[in-house]
Amino acid sequence: MINKELNLRELKYKFLKTGIVTINNWLDKEYANNLQNHLDTMPKDWWSVSAKPALDQDLHISRWLEDCPDCVDYIAKSDAIARDAFTKNIFSYSFRRTQNDHVEGCTCLECKFRQDVLSEEVVEFLHYITEFKITKINELFASWYTDKDFLSPHADGINGILGFVYNLSKNWRPEYGGNLHFMDKIIQKINVPSFNTLTMFDLATSMGHMHYVSEVVPNIPVKRLAMAGWWG
């Protein structure tokens, strides 16, 4: 599953020095292509729209149902509330994501990835790079950032010990937006969501690295797709 040509010693050095590492060509190409194709061709109603703040503060994730006028109106209003909060420096976001709501025993590639990231191969890889003992996934979801979607500055320290984003965007260009920015006092790092690239960041030794995702430019010709979550 994992690319056998990675320079593990170099990756370990980078992570232990900064608490952040980006790994290009992380997985086998066929595996990455199959997962990307799965996300790219999923029915739209498999996605939900997640906005915060939203109209209903207790329900900030809404199933994407384009043939439901009331749903579309609700989502548009929640998006507007999130964008207004952003201008006021309130933690906010708006993007599309999946929920861990598949039937038991589902064999889709998203569910397979959910199992594979806790495989012996991956856990041993993570332990070597980070020296963390990974035992579980606290949360894992697919994300799709489309027109004007964004994620405002925040840290993920309460969510686990190791945060990650596995990018599956093909032919993405930095001028499209949707880039992952780290904002630490010492580290100023920008990650373009290139295909088959894994970015991991330390949450165990502090409250985590401040980061955000810049707004996506409207009407771009490709999708910004990723798997994201937190190992514990």
Foldseek 3Di string as FASTA:
>chain_A
DFDPPDPLVVLLVVCVVAQKGKDALGHDPVLLVLVLVLVVPDPQQQKWKAKPPAPDNVDRTGGDDPVDVVSVVRLVRRNVVQVVCVVVVHWIWIWIKGAPDDDPPDPRSQVVVQVVCQDPVNQVSCCSRNVDRFDHFQDKMKIWAAAFTKGDKDFQLVFAFKWKKFWAWDPFDVVQFQWKFWDDPVDTDIHGRYHRMMMMGGNNPDNGTIIMGTTGHHPDPIIGMIMIGYTD
